[in-house]
Amino acid sequence: MTKSMPGAAGDLAEEHPDIWKAYAALGKASAEAGPLTDRERRLVKLALAIGAGSEGAVHSHTRRARSEGVEATALSQVALLAIGPLGLPRAVAAKTWIEDIDT
């Protein structure tokens, strides 16, 4: 699993597997703590990455969403929904980050 992760997250997972295992367990517990579907959770995580202004996380969640069958139009809509709360510049940046992966 860690070999396929790009960048610093993959490096951290390889260098500190116990930390990565604990982090993954926390993520799993968080995902299972409520009624959201896998698709809904992925879209929420994409939205949170956009809100945080994290290009790497937007790339990661876009890649994962597409591999899970989430439509490109749904990902674009998440970026467009950011216009109101985050502003046009952040939403446009997010849309370009999504398109980096999904083109």
C-alpha atoms as a PDB file:
ATOM      1  CA  MET A   1       0.000   0.000   0.000  1.00  0.00           C
ATOM      2  CA  THR A   2       2.641   2.554   0.980  1.00  0.00           C
ATOM      3  CA  LYS A   3       4.718   1.886  -2.158  1.00  0.00           C
ATOM      4  CA  SER A   4       1.899   3.235  -4.308  1.00  0.00           C
ATOM      5  CA  MET A   5       1.461   6.459  -2.334  1.00  0.00           C
ATOM      6  CA  PRO A   6       3.202   9.410  -3.937  1.00  0.00           C
ATOM      7  CA  GLY A   7       5.329  11.987  -2.213  1.00  0.00           C
ATOM      8  CA  ALA A   8       5.902  12.742   1.418  1.00  0.00           C
ATOM      9  CA  ALA A   9       2.972  10.694   2.733  1.00  0.00           C
ATOM     10  CA  GLY A  10       4.379   7.555   1.139  1.00  0.00           C
ATOM     11  CA  ASP A  11       7.821   8.390   2.511  1.00  0.00           C
ATOM     12  CA  LEU A  12       6.424   8.861   6.012  1.00  0.00           C
ATOM     13  CA  ALA A  13       4.502   5.588   5.798  1.00  0.00           C
ATOM     14  CA  GLU A  14       7.632   3.698   4.781  1.00  0.00           C
ATOM     15  CA  GLU A  15       9.877   5.371   7.358  1.00  0.00           C
ATOM     16  CA  HIS A  16       7.400   5.185  10.277  1.00  0.00           C
ATOM     17  CA  PRO A  17       5.006   2.284   9.684  1.00  0.00           C
ATOM     18  CA  ASP A  18       3.680   2.312  13.265  1.00  0.00           C
ATOM     19  CA  ILE A  19       2.682   5.966  12.987  1.00  0.00           C
ATOM     20  CA  TRP A  20       1.094   5.320   9.584  1.00  0.00           C
ATOM     21  CA  LYS A  21      -0.812   2.315  10.945  1.00  0.00           C
ATOM     22  CA  ALA A  22      -2.216   4.400  13.820  1.00  0.00           C
ATOM     23  CA  TYR A  23      -3.143   7.213  11.414  1.00  0.00           C
ATOM     24  CA  ALA A  24      -4.909   4.754   9.096  1.00  0.00           C
ATOM     25  CA  ALA A  25      -6.809   3.252  12.041  1.00  0.00           C
ATOM     26  CA  LEU A  26      -7.999   6.715  13.081  1.00  0.00           C
ATOM     27  CA  GLY A  27      -9.189   7.387   9.536  1.00  0.00           C
ATOM     28  CA  LYS A  28     -11.071   4.088   9.432  1.00  0.00           C
ATOM     29  CA  ALA A  29     -12.726   4.763  12.798  1.00  0.00           C
ATOM     30  CA  SER A  30     -13.728   8.262  11.682  1.00  0.00           C
ATOM     31  CA  ALA A  31     -15.215   6.908   8.448  1.00  0.00           C
ATOM     32  CA  GLU A  32     -17.261   4.327  10.309  1.00  0.00           C
ATOM     33  CA  ALA A  33     -18.571   6.773  12.932  1.00  0.00           C
ATOM     34  CA  GLY A  34     -21.612   7.854  10.970  1.00  0.00           C
ATOM     35  CA  PRO A  35     -24.082   7.102   8.197  1.00  0.00           C
ATOM     36  CA  LEU A  36     -22.321   8.690   5.197  1.00  0.00           C
ATOM     37  CA  THR A  37     -21.745   6.469   2.186  1.00  0.00           C
ATOM     38  CA  ASP A  38     -18.268   5.915   0.757  1.00  0.00           C
ATOM     39  CA  ARG A  39     -19.091   8.328  -2.078  1.00  0.00           C
ATOM     40  CA  GLU A  40     -20.369  10.997   0.301  1.00  0.00           C
ATOM     41  CA  ARG A  41     -17.287  10.660   2.501  1.00  0.00           C
ATOM     42  CA  ARG A  42     -14.982  11.015  -0.506  1.00  0.00           C
ATOM     43  CA  LEU A  43     -16.770  14.189  -1.665  1.00  0.00           C
ATOM     44  CA  VAL A  44     -16.671  15.654   1.862  1.00  0.00           C
ATOM     45  CA  LYS A  45     -12.958  14.900   2.106  1.00  0.00           C
ATOM     46  CA  LEU A  46     -12.408  16.613  -1.243  1.00  0.00           C
ATOM     47  CA  ALA A  47     -14.345  19.638   0.000  1.00  0.00           C
ATOM     48  CA  LEU A  48     -12.292  19.759   3.201  1.00  0.00           C
ATOM     49  CA  ALA A  49      -9.062  19.565   1.189  1.00  0.00           C
ATOM     50  CA  ILE A  50     -10.292  22.473  -0.947  1.00  0.00           C
ATOM     51  CA  GLY A  51     -11.199  24.468   2.162  1.00  0.00           C
ATOM     52  CA  ALA A  52      -7.762  23.817   3.630  1.00  0.00           C
ATOM     53  CA  GLY A  53      -6.148  25.008   0.417  1.00  0.00           C
ATOM     54  CA  SER A  54      -4.136  21.783   0.130  1.00  0.00           C
ATOM     55  CA  GLU A  55      -3.285  21.090  -3.495  1.00  0.00           C
ATOM     56  CA  GLY A  56      -1.744  17.727  -2.602  1.00  0.00           C
ATOM     57  CA  ALA A  57      -4.833  16.592  -0.706  1.00  0.00           C
ATOM     58  CA  VAL A  58      -7.116  17.757  -3.539  1.00  0.00           C
ATOM     59  CA  HIS A  59      -4.991  15.733  -5.968  1.00  0.00           C
ATOM     60  CA  SER A  60      -5.118  12.692  -3.657  1.00  0.00           C
ATOM     61  CA  HIS A  61      -8.880  12.812  -3.092  1.00  0.00           C
ATOM     62  CA  THR A  62      -9.517  13.451  -6.790  1.00  0.00           C
ATOM     63  CA  ARG A  63      -7.385  10.451  -7.738  1.00  0.00           C
ATOM     64  CA  ARG A  64      -9.115   8.256  -5.172  1.00  0.00           C
ATOM     65  CA  ALA A  65     -12.601   9.491  -6.071  1.00  0.00           C
ATOM     66  CA  ARG A  66     -12.095   8.754  -9.754  1.00  0.00           C
ATOM     67  CA  SER A  67     -10.727   5.275  -8.960  1.00  0.00           C
ATOM     68  CA  GLU A  68     -13.871   4.693  -6.877  1.00  0.00           C
ATOM     69  CA  GLY A  69     -16.130   5.665  -9.776  1.00  0.00           C
ATOM     70  CA  VAL A  70     -17.085   9.198  -8.730  1.00  0.00           C
ATOM     71  CA  GLU A  71     -17.969  11.212 -11.826  1.00  0.00           C
ATOM     72  CA  ALA A  72     -15.742  14.079 -12.940  1.00  0.00           C
ATOM     73  CA  THR A  73     -18.801  16.346 -12.963  1.00  0.00           C
ATOM     74  CA  ALA A  74     -19.396  15.669  -9.252  1.00  0.00           C
ATOM     75  CA  LEU A  75     -15.800  16.636  -8.447  1.00  0.00           C
ATOM     76  CA  SER A  76     -16.134  19.840 -10.460  1.00  0.00           C
ATOM     77  CA  GLN A  77     -19.356  20.663  -8.640  1.00  0.00           C
ATOM     78  CA  VAL A  78     -17.548  20.393  -5.297  1.00  0.00           C
ATOM     79  CA  ALA A  79     -15.080  23.015  -6.560  1.00  0.00           C
ATOM     80  CA  LEU A  80     -17.936  25.234  -7.743  1.00  0.00           C
ATOM     81  CA  LEU A  81     -19.690  24.930  -4.388  1.00  0.00           C
ATOM     82  CA  ALA A  82     -16.578  26.465  -2.815  1.00  0.00           C
ATOM     83  CA  ILE A  83     -17.302  29.810  -4.514  1.00  0.00           C
ATOM     84  CA  GLY A  84     -19.743  30.975  -1.838  1.00  0.00           C
ATOM     85  CA  PRO A  85     -17.922  30.093   1.363  1.00  0.00           C
ATOM     86  CA  LEU A  86     -14.322  30.329   0.119  1.00  0.00           C
ATOM     87  CA  GLY A  87     -14.411  32.797  -2.752  1.00  0.00           C
ATOM     88  CA  LEU A  88     -13.914  32.596  -6.490  1.00  0.00           C
ATOM     89  CA  PRO A  89     -10.086  32.444  -6.431  1.00  0.00           C
ATOM     90  CA  ARG A  90     -10.008  29.427  -4.091  1.00  0.00           C
ATOM     91  CA  ALA A  91     -12.724  27.669  -6.090  1.00  0.00           C
ATOM     92  CA  VAL A  92     -10.939  28.269  -9.394  1.00  0.00           C
ATOM     93  CA  ALA A  93      -7.670  27.014  -7.904  1.00  0.00           C
ATOM     94  CA  ALA A  94      -9.442  23.888  -6.651  1.00  0.00           C
ATOM     95  CA  LYS A  95     -10.995  23.296 -10.054  1.00  0.00           C
ATOM     96  CA  THR A  96      -7.558  23.455 -11.686  1.00  0.00           C
ATOM     97  CA  TRP A  97      -6.140  21.057  -9.063  1.00  0.00           C
ATOM     98  CA  ILE A  98      -8.947  18.594  -9.811  1.00  0.00           C
ATOM     99  CA  GLU A  99      -8.330  18.981 -13.531  1.00  0.00           C
ATOM    100  CA  ASP A 100      -4.604  18.311 -12.993  1.00  0.00           C
ATOM    101  CA  ILE A 101      -5.611  14.741 -12.169  1.00  0.00           C
ATOM    102  CA  ASP A 102      -8.783  14.332 -14.157  1.00  0.00           C
ATOM    103  CA  THR A 103      -7.731  15.346 -17.650  1.00  0.00           C
END
